[in-house]
């Protein structure tokens, strides 16, 4: 019953409350917006990074119990976040700009007049 109350009632109310706050205040979470930019990169990078970590620790003879320690998680995120930032700034943003330029090529007012690309 508690799970149903939280997932069916409290969580949706929290989402609605945050959306209303964002609508009224307009700057909710601006300082944390970079985390949203990293979501796609982290989705793509975290699994290969996990495989690399397992491989490296196996080569170095580190016991697998290492991964149950807090320091392992902290170290993983200490590597993952900079990799995601680099991926976003040096790959995703330039790729987005190139795709937009390619799609809007020869259409000087595209996107400004409300037309859909």
N, C-alpha and C. Protein backbone atom coordinates (compact mmCIF):
# COMPACT_ATOMS: atom_id res chain seq x y z
N UNK A 1 0.83 -1.20 0.00
CA UNK A 1 0.00 0.00 0.00
C UNK A 1 0.87 1.26 0.00
N UNK A 2 1.97 1.23 0.76
CA UNK A 2 2.87 2.37 0.81
C UNK A 2 3.50 2.63 -0.55
N UNK A 3 3.92 1.56 -1.21
CA UNK A 3 4.51 1.70 -2.54
C UNK A 3 3.52 2.31 -3.51
N UNK A 4 2.29 1.86 -3.47
CA UNK A 4 1.25 2.40 -4.34
C UNK A 4 1.02 3.88 -4.05
N UNK A 5 1.01 4.24 -2.78
CA UNK A 5 0.80 5.64 -2.40
C UNK A 5 1.93 6.52 -2.92
N UNK A 6 3.17 6.05 -2.78
CA UNK A 6 4.32 6.83 -3.22
C UNK A 6 4.36 6.92 -4.74
N UNK A 7 4.28 5.77 -5.43
CA UNK A 7 4.41 5.78 -6.88
C UNK A 7 3.18 6.30 -7.59
N UNK A 8 2.02 6.10 -7.01
CA UNK A 8 0.79 6.53 -7.67
C UNK A 8 0.30 7.89 -7.24
N UNK A 9 0.80 8.39 -6.12
CA UNK A 9 0.31 9.68 -5.62
C UNK A 9 1.41 10.70 -5.39
N UNK A 10 2.36 10.36 -4.54
CA UNK A 10 3.38 11.32 -4.15
C UNK A 10 4.31 11.69 -5.30
N UNK A 11 4.77 10.71 -6.05
CA UNK A 11 5.69 10.98 -7.15
C UNK A 11 5.04 11.86 -8.23
N UNK A 12 3.82 11.54 -8.70
CA UNK A 12 3.19 12.43 -9.69
C UNK A 12 2.94 13.84 -9.15
N UNK A 13 2.57 13.96 -7.87
CA UNK A 13 2.38 15.29 -7.29
C UNK A 13 3.68 16.07 -7.25
N UNK A 14 4.78 15.38 -6.98
CA UNK A 14 6.08 16.05 -6.97
C UNK A 14 6.43 16.56 -8.37
N UNK A 15 6.18 15.76 -9.38
CA UNK A 15 6.46 16.17 -10.76
C UNK A 15 5.61 17.37 -11.14
N UNK A 16 4.33 17.35 -10.82
CA UNK A 16 3.45 18.47 -11.12
C UNK A 16 3.90 19.72 -10.36
N UNK A 17 4.27 19.56 -9.10
CA UNK A 17 4.75 20.69 -8.31
C UNK A 17 6.00 21.31 -8.88
N UNK A 18 6.96 20.48 -9.29
CA UNK A 18 8.19 21.00 -9.90
C UNK A 18 7.91 21.68 -11.24
N UNK A 19 6.99 21.12 -12.03
CA UNK A 19 6.64 21.73 -13.31
C UNK A 19 5.97 23.08 -13.09
N UNK A 20 5.09 23.18 -12.10
CA UNK A 20 4.45 24.47 -11.79
C UNK A 20 5.46 25.49 -11.30
N UNK A 21 6.39 25.05 -10.46
CA UNK A 21 7.42 25.95 -9.96
C UNK A 21 8.28 26.47 -11.11
N UNK A 22 8.64 25.56 -12.03
CA UNK A 22 9.43 25.96 -13.20
C UNK A 22 8.66 26.97 -14.06
N UNK A 23 7.35 26.76 -14.21
CA UNK A 23 6.52 27.66 -15.00
C UNK A 23 6.44 29.04 -14.36
N UNK A 24 6.29 29.07 -13.06
CA UNK A 24 6.14 30.35 -12.36
C UNK A 24 7.47 31.06 -12.16
N UNK A 25 8.51 30.32 -11.80
CA UNK A 25 9.80 30.92 -11.48
C UNK A 25 10.73 30.98 -12.70
N UNK A 26 10.66 30.00 -13.58
CA UNK A 26 11.41 30.02 -14.83
C UNK A 26 12.88 29.65 -14.75
N UNK A 27 13.42 29.38 -13.58
CA UNK A 27 14.84 29.08 -13.51
C UNK A 27 15.16 27.92 -12.56
N UNK A 28 14.21 27.08 -12.33
CA UNK A 28 14.41 25.93 -11.45
C UNK A 28 15.45 24.99 -12.07
N UNK A 29 16.48 24.71 -11.34
CA UNK A 29 17.47 23.74 -11.77
C UNK A 29 18.42 24.19 -12.84
N UNK A 30 18.51 25.48 -13.08
CA UNK A 30 19.41 25.96 -14.14
C UNK A 30 20.86 25.57 -13.85
N UNK A 31 21.23 25.56 -12.56
CA UNK A 31 22.60 25.20 -12.20
C UNK A 31 22.89 23.72 -12.45
N UNK A 32 21.85 22.90 -12.48
CA UNK A 32 22.03 21.47 -12.70
C UNK A 32 21.69 21.05 -14.12
N UNK A 33 21.47 22.00 -15.00
CA UNK A 33 21.07 21.68 -16.37
C UNK A 33 22.14 20.87 -17.10
N UNK A 34 23.40 21.05 -16.72
CA UNK A 34 24.46 20.29 -17.39
C UNK A 34 24.28 18.79 -17.19
N UNK A 35 23.63 18.40 -16.09
CA UNK A 35 23.40 16.97 -15.86
C UNK A 35 22.46 16.39 -16.92
N UNK A 36 21.50 17.18 -17.37
CA UNK A 36 20.61 16.72 -18.44
C UNK A 36 21.38 16.57 -19.74
N UNK A 37 22.34 17.45 -19.98
CA UNK A 37 23.16 17.35 -21.18
C UNK A 37 23.99 16.07 -21.18
N UNK A 38 24.32 15.58 -20.00
CA UNK A 38 25.17 14.40 -19.89
C UNK A 38 24.40 13.09 -19.95
N UNK A 39 23.09 13.15 -19.93
CA UNK A 39 22.31 11.91 -19.82
C UNK A 39 22.53 10.97 -21.00
N UNK A 40 22.55 11.49 -22.22
CA UNK A 40 22.73 10.62 -23.38
C UNK A 40 24.15 10.05 -23.40
N UNK A 41 25.14 10.90 -23.11
CA UNK A 41 26.52 10.42 -23.07
C UNK A 41 26.70 9.35 -22.01
N UNK A 42 26.14 9.59 -20.84
CA UNK A 42 26.32 8.61 -19.76
C UNK A 42 25.62 7.30 -20.11
N UNK A 43 24.50 7.40 -20.80
CA UNK A 43 23.79 6.20 -21.24
C UNK A 43 24.67 5.37 -22.18
N UNK A 44 25.38 6.05 -23.08
CA UNK A 44 26.20 5.35 -24.06
C UNK A 44 27.55 4.91 -23.50
N UNK A 45 28.11 5.66 -22.58
CA UNK A 45 29.48 5.41 -22.12
C UNK A 45 29.56 4.50 -20.90
N UNK A 46 28.53 4.49 -20.03
CA UNK A 46 28.70 3.78 -18.76
C UNK A 46 28.95 2.28 -18.90
N UNK A 47 28.30 1.62 -19.84
CA UNK A 47 28.49 0.18 -19.95
C UNK A 47 29.88 -0.19 -20.48
N UNK A 48 30.35 0.44 -21.58
CA UNK A 48 31.73 0.14 -22.00
C UNK A 48 32.76 0.48 -20.91
N UNK A 49 32.50 1.53 -20.14
CA UNK A 49 33.40 1.88 -19.04
C UNK A 49 33.39 0.79 -17.97
N UNK A 50 32.22 0.23 -17.68
CA UNK A 50 32.15 -0.87 -16.73
C UNK A 50 32.96 -2.07 -17.21
N UNK A 51 32.82 -2.40 -18.48
CA UNK A 51 33.57 -3.52 -19.06
C UNK A 51 35.07 -3.24 -18.97
N UNK A 52 35.47 -2.01 -19.27
CA UNK A 52 36.88 -1.63 -19.18
C UNK A 52 37.40 -1.75 -17.74
N UNK A 53 36.59 -1.32 -16.79
CA UNK A 53 36.98 -1.42 -15.38
C UNK A 53 37.16 -2.86 -14.95
N UNK A 54 36.25 -3.72 -15.35
CA UNK A 54 36.37 -5.15 -15.03
C UNK A 54 37.63 -5.73 -15.65
N UNK A 55 37.87 -5.39 -16.92
CA UNK A 55 39.06 -5.90 -17.60
C UNK A 55 40.35 -5.43 -16.95
N UNK A 56 40.41 -4.13 -16.62
CA UNK A 56 41.63 -3.60 -16.00
C UNK A 56 41.87 -4.19 -14.62
N UNK A 57 40.83 -4.30 -13.83
CA UNK A 57 41.02 -4.87 -12.49
C UNK A 57 41.40 -6.34 -12.57
N UNK A 58 40.89 -7.05 -13.56
CA UNK A 58 41.28 -8.46 -13.74
C UNK A 58 42.75 -8.56 -14.12
N UNK A 59 43.20 -7.68 -15.03
CA UNK A 59 44.60 -7.67 -15.44
C UNK A 59 45.53 -7.31 -14.28
N UNK A 60 45.07 -6.41 -13.42
CA UNK A 60 45.89 -5.98 -12.30
C UNK A 60 45.77 -6.90 -11.09
N UNK A 61 44.89 -7.89 -11.17
CA UNK A 61 44.74 -8.85 -10.08
C UNK A 61 43.96 -8.33 -8.89
N UNK A 62 43.15 -7.31 -9.11
CA UNK A 62 42.33 -6.76 -8.04
C UNK A 62 41.13 -7.68 -7.81
N UNK A 63 40.83 -7.94 -6.54
CA UNK A 63 39.72 -8.81 -6.20
C UNK A 63 38.40 -8.16 -6.59
N UNK A 64 37.45 -8.93 -7.05
CA UNK A 64 36.15 -8.40 -7.47
C UNK A 64 35.37 -7.77 -6.32
N UNK A 65 35.72 -8.09 -5.09
CA UNK A 65 35.08 -7.49 -3.93
C UNK A 65 35.30 -5.98 -3.90
N UNK A 66 36.29 -5.49 -4.62
CA UNK A 66 36.56 -4.06 -4.71
C UNK A 66 35.33 -3.30 -5.18
N UNK A 67 34.56 -3.89 -6.06
CA UNK A 67 33.41 -3.21 -6.64
C UNK A 67 32.24 -3.06 -5.67
N UNK A 68 32.33 -3.70 -4.51
CA UNK A 68 31.29 -3.55 -3.50
C UNK A 68 31.61 -2.42 -2.52
N UNK A 69 32.72 -1.75 -2.70
CA UNK A 69 33.12 -0.66 -1.82
C UNK A 69 32.65 0.68 -2.38
N UNK A 70 32.44 1.62 -1.48
CA UNK A 70 32.00 2.97 -1.88
C UNK A 70 33.03 3.65 -2.78
N UNK A 71 34.29 3.42 -2.51
CA UNK A 71 35.34 4.08 -3.28
C UNK A 71 35.29 3.67 -4.75
N UNK A 72 34.85 2.45 -5.04
CA UNK A 72 34.74 2.01 -6.43
C UNK A 72 33.68 2.81 -7.17
N UNK A 73 32.55 3.04 -6.54
CA UNK A 73 31.49 3.82 -7.17
C UNK A 73 31.92 5.27 -7.36
N UNK A 74 32.58 5.82 -6.35
CA UNK A 74 33.06 7.20 -6.46
C UNK A 74 34.09 7.32 -7.58
N UNK A 75 35.00 6.36 -7.65
CA UNK A 75 36.01 6.38 -8.72
C UNK A 75 35.37 6.23 -10.09
N UNK A 76 34.36 5.36 -10.19
CA UNK A 76 33.67 5.16 -11.46
C UNK A 76 33.05 6.47 -11.94
N UNK A 77 32.32 7.16 -11.05
CA UNK A 77 31.69 8.43 -11.43
C UNK A 77 32.72 9.53 -11.66
N UNK A 78 33.85 9.47 -10.96
CA UNK A 78 34.92 10.45 -11.18
C UNK A 78 35.52 10.32 -12.58
N UNK A 79 35.43 9.15 -13.16
CA UNK A 79 35.89 8.95 -14.54
C UNK A 79 34.73 9.18 -15.52
N UNK A 80 33.55 8.70 -15.19
CA UNK A 80 32.40 8.78 -16.10
C UNK A 80 31.98 10.22 -16.40
N UNK A 81 31.85 11.05 -15.38
CA UNK A 81 31.35 12.42 -15.59
C UNK A 81 32.27 13.24 -16.50
N UNK A 82 33.59 13.26 -16.28
CA UNK A 82 34.44 14.00 -17.24
C UNK A 82 34.39 13.44 -18.65
N UNK A 83 34.30 12.11 -18.78
CA UNK A 83 34.17 11.52 -20.11
C UNK A 83 32.88 11.98 -20.79
N UNK A 84 31.80 12.03 -20.04
CA UNK A 84 30.52 12.48 -20.59
C UNK A 84 30.55 13.95 -20.95
N UNK A 85 31.18 14.77 -20.11
CA UNK A 85 31.33 16.19 -20.42
C UNK A 85 32.12 16.38 -21.71
N UNK A 86 33.22 15.65 -21.84
CA UNK A 86 34.03 15.75 -23.06
C UNK A 86 33.24 15.28 -24.27
N UNK A 87 32.52 14.19 -24.14
CA UNK A 87 31.70 13.68 -25.24
C UNK A 87 30.65 14.69 -25.67
N UNK A 88 30.00 15.32 -24.68
CA UNK A 88 28.96 16.29 -25.00
C UNK A 88 29.54 17.51 -25.72
N UNK A 89 30.61 18.06 -25.16
CA UNK A 89 31.14 19.31 -25.72
C UNK A 89 31.92 19.12 -27.02
N UNK A 90 32.61 18.00 -27.17
CA UNK A 90 33.45 17.82 -28.34
C UNK A 90 32.84 16.93 -29.42
N UNK A 91 31.75 16.23 -29.10
CA UNK A 91 31.11 15.40 -30.12
C UNK A 91 29.65 15.75 -30.33
N UNK A 92 28.85 15.70 -29.25
CA UNK A 92 27.40 15.92 -29.41
C UNK A 92 27.05 17.32 -29.89
N UNK A 93 27.59 18.35 -29.24
CA UNK A 93 27.25 19.72 -29.65
C UNK A 93 27.70 20.02 -31.08
N UNK A 94 28.94 19.68 -31.47
CA UNK A 94 29.32 19.90 -32.88
C UNK A 94 28.47 19.08 -33.85
N UNK A 95 28.11 17.86 -33.47
CA UNK A 95 27.27 17.04 -34.34
C UNK A 95 25.88 17.66 -34.48
N UNK A 96 25.31 18.16 -33.38
CA UNK A 96 24.01 18.82 -33.44
C UNK A 96 24.07 20.05 -34.34
N UNK A 97 25.13 20.83 -34.19
CA UNK A 97 25.27 22.03 -35.02
C UNK A 97 25.41 21.67 -36.49
N UNK A 98 26.18 20.63 -36.78
CA UNK A 98 26.36 20.20 -38.17
C UNK A 98 25.05 19.69 -38.77
N UNK A 99 24.30 18.94 -38.00
CA UNK A 99 23.02 18.42 -38.49
C UNK A 99 22.04 19.55 -38.72
N UNK A 100 21.99 20.50 -37.78
CA UNK A 100 21.09 21.66 -37.98
C UNK A 100 21.50 22.46 -39.21
N UNK A 101 22.79 22.67 -39.38
CA UNK A 101 23.27 23.42 -40.54
C UNK A 101 22.92 22.68 -41.83
N UNK A 102 23.09 21.38 -41.83
CA UNK A 102 22.78 20.58 -43.01
C UNK A 102 21.28 20.61 -43.31
N UNK A 103 20.45 20.49 -42.27
CA UNK A 103 19.00 20.49 -42.48
C UNK A 103 18.48 21.86 -42.89
N UNK A 104 19.10 22.91 -42.41
CA UNK A 104 18.62 24.26 -42.69
C UNK A 104 19.36 24.92 -43.85
N UNK A 105 20.26 24.21 -44.49
CA UNK A 105 21.04 24.77 -45.59
C UNK A 105 20.13 25.25 -46.72
N UNK A 106 20.35 26.47 -47.12
CA UNK A 106 19.57 27.03 -48.21
C UNK A 106 18.21 27.54 -47.79
N UNK A 107 17.93 27.54 -46.51
CA UNK A 107 16.65 28.03 -46.00
C UNK A 107 16.97 29.08 -44.94
N UNK A 108 17.25 30.30 -45.33
CA UNK A 108 17.76 31.31 -44.40
C UNK A 108 16.83 31.61 -43.22
N UNK A 109 15.53 31.51 -43.37
CA UNK A 109 14.62 31.83 -42.27
C UNK A 109 13.99 30.60 -41.65
N UNK A 110 14.50 29.42 -41.97
CA UNK A 110 13.92 28.19 -41.44
C UNK A 110 14.06 28.19 -39.92
N UNK A 111 13.01 27.82 -39.27
CA UNK A 111 13.01 27.77 -37.82
C UNK A 111 12.59 29.07 -37.18
N UNK A 112 12.69 30.18 -37.91
CA UNK A 112 12.33 31.47 -37.36
C UNK A 112 10.89 31.84 -37.66
N UNK A 113 10.32 31.22 -38.67
CA UNK A 113 8.96 31.56 -39.05
C UNK A 113 7.93 30.56 -38.51
N UNK A 114 8.39 29.65 -37.67
CA UNK A 114 7.47 28.69 -37.10
C UNK A 114 7.29 27.44 -37.93
N UNK A 115 7.97 27.35 -39.07
CA UNK A 115 7.82 26.14 -39.87
C UNK A 115 8.59 25.00 -39.22
N UNK A 116 8.11 23.81 -39.47
CA UNK A 116 8.71 22.63 -38.88
C UNK A 116 9.77 22.08 -39.80
N UNK A 117 10.88 21.68 -39.18
CA UNK A 117 11.98 21.09 -39.96
C UNK A 117 11.81 19.60 -40.00
